Amino acid sequence: MDRHELKETGTRKTDDKIFVSNQFSYRFQDERFNFFGNINFSTQFDKGYDYGQDPKALLSRFMAPGYFSQVFGVGYEPARLFFSRGWFGYEGDDRDRYRSFHSLWT
């Protein structure tokens, strides 16, 4: 976690991200193609405040927010220096306030 001392305002949180990522891949018989999946979790572990209010207002804390995402797709790798992936994914937060479905070719 990073905290910085600011001259007139005291110590402030600048970065405290927790990020866990698990990825798996399975190569097909034609080794240029693979199936992959990725599961991610991220949150923070320290309280965050709105310092523009007096007294300061609590904005965030551990697991508020917490994000969980899952991605799966098919990869194509015709040569060691080139690959492409197409995927579909879902991301949501700990209280189901935020949900997103997305897909992409990279």
Protein backbone atom coordinates (compact mmCIF):
# COMPACT_ATOMS: atom_id res chain seq x y z
CA MET A 1 0.00 0.00 0.00
CA ASP A 2 1.26 3.47 -0.81
CA ARG A 3 0.67 6.50 1.37
CA HIS A 4 2.14 9.92 0.74
CA GLU A 5 2.65 12.84 3.07
CA LEU A 6 1.30 16.04 1.55
CA LYS A 7 2.56 19.30 3.08
CA GLU A 8 -0.65 20.88 4.38
CA THR A 9 -3.13 18.00 4.21
CA GLY A 10 -1.40 15.11 5.96
CA THR A 11 -1.09 11.49 4.85
CA ARG A 12 -3.29 10.21 2.00
CA LYS A 13 -3.79 6.75 0.50
CA THR A 14 -2.58 6.62 -3.11
CA ASP A 15 -2.60 2.92 -4.05
CA ASP A 16 -3.71 -0.26 -2.28
CA LYS A 17 -4.96 -2.66 -4.92
CA ILE A 18 -5.32 -6.40 -4.34
CA PHE A 19 -5.42 -8.30 -7.64
CA VAL A 20 -5.60 -12.08 -8.09
CA SER A 21 -5.65 -13.62 -11.57
CA ASN A 22 -5.90 -17.28 -12.64
CA GLN A 23 -5.56 -18.29 -16.26
CA PHE A 24 -5.76 -21.66 -17.95
CA SER A 25 -5.29 -22.76 -21.53
CA TYR A 26 -5.90 -25.96 -23.47
CA ARG A 27 -4.29 -26.54 -26.89
CA PHE A 28 -6.36 -28.29 -29.52
CA GLN A 29 -5.01 -31.05 -31.73
CA ASP A 30 -4.14 -28.33 -34.26
CA GLU A 31 -1.68 -26.56 -31.92
CA ARG A 32 -2.24 -23.17 -33.55
CA PHE A 33 -5.59 -22.99 -31.70
CA ASN A 34 -6.31 -23.02 -28.00
CA PHE A 35 -9.19 -22.54 -25.61
CA PHE A 36 -8.48 -20.25 -22.66
CA GLY A 37 -10.18 -18.95 -19.56
CA ASN A 38 -9.30 -16.29 -17.05
CA ILE A 39 -10.77 -15.53 -13.61
CA ASN A 40 -9.84 -12.28 -11.87
CA PHE A 41 -10.61 -10.74 -8.50
CA SER A 42 -9.67 -7.22 -7.39
CA THR A 43 -10.39 -5.00 -4.42
CA GLN A 44 -8.65 -2.63 -2.01
CA PHE A 45 -7.77 -3.11 1.65
CA ASP A 46 -7.68 0.37 3.18
CA LYS A 47 -10.34 3.01 3.73
CA GLY A 48 -10.69 5.80 1.17
CA TYR A 49 -12.03 9.25 2.03
CA ASP A 50 -13.44 12.33 0.32
CA TYR A 51 -11.16 15.02 1.75
CA GLY A 52 -13.24 17.78 0.13
CA GLN A 53 -15.80 17.47 2.92
CA ASP A 54 -15.37 18.52 6.55
CA PRO A 55 -15.27 16.15 8.33
CA LYS A 56 -13.84 13.80 5.69
CA ALA A 57 -16.40 11.31 4.34
CA LEU A 58 -15.75 7.57 3.98
CA LEU A 59 -15.91 6.57 0.28
CA SER A 60 -14.56 3.02 0.24
CA ARG A 61 -13.21 0.23 2.42
CA PHE A 62 -12.04 -3.40 2.13
CA MET A 63 -14.28 -5.29 -0.35
CA ALA A 64 -16.31 -2.15 -1.08
CA PRO A 65 -15.91 -2.25 -3.98
CA GLY A 66 -14.73 -5.73 -4.91
CA TYR A 67 -14.73 -6.89 -8.55
CA PHE A 68 -14.92 -10.39 -10.02
CA SER A 69 -14.50 -11.10 -13.72
CA GLN A 70 -14.49 -14.20 -15.87
CA VAL A 71 -13.32 -14.45 -19.47
CA PHE A 72 -13.25 -17.37 -21.90
CA GLY A 73 -12.40 -17.61 -25.55
CA VAL A 74 -10.37 -19.09 -28.39
CA GLY A 75 -6.81 -18.16 -29.27
CA TYR A 76 -5.00 -18.45 -32.60
CA GLU A 77 -1.19 -18.58 -32.76
CA PRO A 78 0.12 -19.31 -36.28
CA ALA A 79 3.71 -18.28 -35.37
CA ARG A 80 5.66 -17.61 -32.17
CA LEU A 81 5.68 -13.84 -32.82
CA PHE A 82 1.97 -13.47 -33.60
CA PHE A 83 -1.22 -14.45 -31.80
CA SER A 84 -4.82 -13.36 -31.70
CA ARG A 85 -7.57 -13.99 -29.15
CA GLY A 86 -11.31 -13.67 -29.29
CA TRP A 87 -13.10 -13.67 -25.96
CA PHE A 88 -16.32 -13.09 -24.11
CA GLY A 89 -16.39 -11.94 -20.51
CA TYR A 90 -18.43 -10.86 -17.52
CA GLU A 91 -17.47 -8.46 -14.76
CA GLY A 92 -19.43 -7.50 -11.67
CA ASP A 93 -18.92 -5.93 -8.26
CA ASP A 94 -19.51 -7.22 -4.74
CA ARG A 95 -23.03 -5.81 -4.45
CA ASP A 96 -24.21 -6.43 -8.01
CA ARG A 97 -24.35 -2.68 -8.65
CA TYR A 98 -22.05 -2.99 -11.63
CA ARG A 99 -22.35 -5.62 -14.35
CA SER A 100 -20.71 -5.70 -17.73
CA PHE A 101 -20.70 -8.22 -20.57
CA HIS A 102 -18.08 -7.69 -23.25
CA SER A 103 -16.26 -9.37 -26.10
CA LEU A 104 -13.17 -8.48 -28.08
CA TRP A 105 -10.63 -9.67 -30.64
CA THR A 106 -7.04 -8.77 -29.82
